[in-house]
């Protein structure tokens, strides 16, 4: 588990933006590994804020890039 924060280019946390509690679980899937990523927000409003900013598209692109990279190093 880790907490994800919005920050500027220098790494300073933006306290005005909601943070996300992220849990990653690695599950044995019969010789393969399944990764389950869960994100928890403090409120429905915090979730709406990041959804309105395009969070779903951004995280989908991140996982897609990871998949591409893993396929490249097989």
Protein backbone atom coordinates (compact mmCIF):
# COMPACT_ATOMS: atom_id res chain seq x y z
CA UNK A 1 0.00 0.00 0.00
CA UNK A 2 1.14 3.52 -0.74
CA UNK A 3 -0.39 6.99 -0.91
CA UNK A 4 -0.29 8.81 -4.23
CA UNK A 5 -0.28 12.62 -4.21
CA UNK A 6 -0.45 15.28 -6.89
CA UNK A 7 2.77 17.30 -6.97
CA UNK A 8 4.59 19.91 -8.99
CA UNK A 9 7.73 19.33 -11.09
CA UNK A 10 9.91 19.66 -7.97
CA UNK A 11 7.92 17.03 -6.05
CA UNK A 12 6.08 19.43 -3.75
CA UNK A 13 2.71 17.96 -2.74
CA UNK A 14 -0.37 19.89 -3.83
CA UNK A 15 -2.53 19.82 -0.68
CA UNK A 16 -5.49 21.22 -2.65
CA UNK A 17 -5.79 17.99 -4.65
CA UNK A 18 -7.07 14.68 -3.27
CA UNK A 19 -4.62 11.93 -2.44
CA UNK A 20 -5.20 8.28 -3.29
CA UNK A 21 -4.53 5.24 -1.11
CA UNK A 22 -3.33 2.58 -3.56
CA UNK A 23 -3.10 -1.13 -2.81
CA UNK A 24 -1.33 -3.50 -5.20
CA UNK A 25 -1.95 -7.23 -4.86
CA UNK A 26 0.00 -9.87 -6.78
CA UNK A 27 -2.06 -13.05 -7.21
CA UNK A 28 -0.84 -16.43 -8.44
CA UNK A 29 -2.88 -17.25 -11.53
CA UNK A 30 -1.67 -20.76 -12.34
CA UNK A 31 1.87 -20.06 -13.50
CA UNK A 32 1.19 -16.41 -14.27
CA UNK A 33 0.80 -13.42 -12.01
CA UNK A 34 -2.31 -11.26 -11.88
CA UNK A 35 -1.89 -7.72 -10.59
CA UNK A 36 -4.89 -6.16 -8.84
CA UNK A 37 -4.66 -2.41 -8.23
CA UNK A 38 -7.22 -0.77 -5.92
CA UNK A 39 -7.54 2.96 -5.25
CA UNK A 40 -9.36 4.44 -2.26
CA UNK A 41 -10.39 8.10 -2.03
CA UNK A 42 -11.43 9.98 1.10
CA UNK A 43 -14.81 10.90 -0.38
CA UNK A 44 -17.03 10.66 -3.43
CA UNK A 45 -16.15 14.29 -4.15
CA UNK A 46 -12.42 13.49 -4.19
CA UNK A 47 -13.04 10.65 -6.63
CA UNK A 48 -15.18 12.91 -8.82
CA UNK A 49 -12.41 15.52 -8.88
CA UNK A 50 -9.85 13.11 -10.29
CA UNK A 51 -12.34 11.44 -12.63
CA UNK A 52 -13.22 14.87 -14.06
CA UNK A 53 -9.49 15.46 -14.65
CA UNK A 54 -9.20 12.34 -16.81
CA UNK A 55 -7.76 9.94 -14.23
CA UNK A 56 -9.32 6.88 -15.85
CA UNK A 57 -7.71 7.62 -19.22
CA UNK A 58 -4.39 8.42 -17.56
CA UNK A 59 -4.20 5.23 -15.50
CA UNK A 60 -5.32 3.15 -18.49
CA UNK A 61 -2.48 4.62 -20.55
CA UNK A 62 -0.04 3.89 -17.71
CA UNK A 63 -1.04 0.21 -17.50
CA UNK A 64 -0.97 -0.07 -21.31
CA UNK A 65 2.61 1.27 -21.38
CA UNK A 66 3.62 -1.19 -18.66
CA UNK A 67 2.11 -4.04 -20.67
CA UNK A 68 3.99 -2.92 -23.79
CA UNK A 69 7.26 -2.75 -21.86
CA UNK A 70 6.79 -6.17 -20.28
CA UNK A 71 6.00 -7.68 -23.67
CA UNK A 72 9.15 -6.07 -25.10
CA UNK A 73 11.41 -7.71 -22.52
CA UNK A 74 9.94 -11.23 -22.71
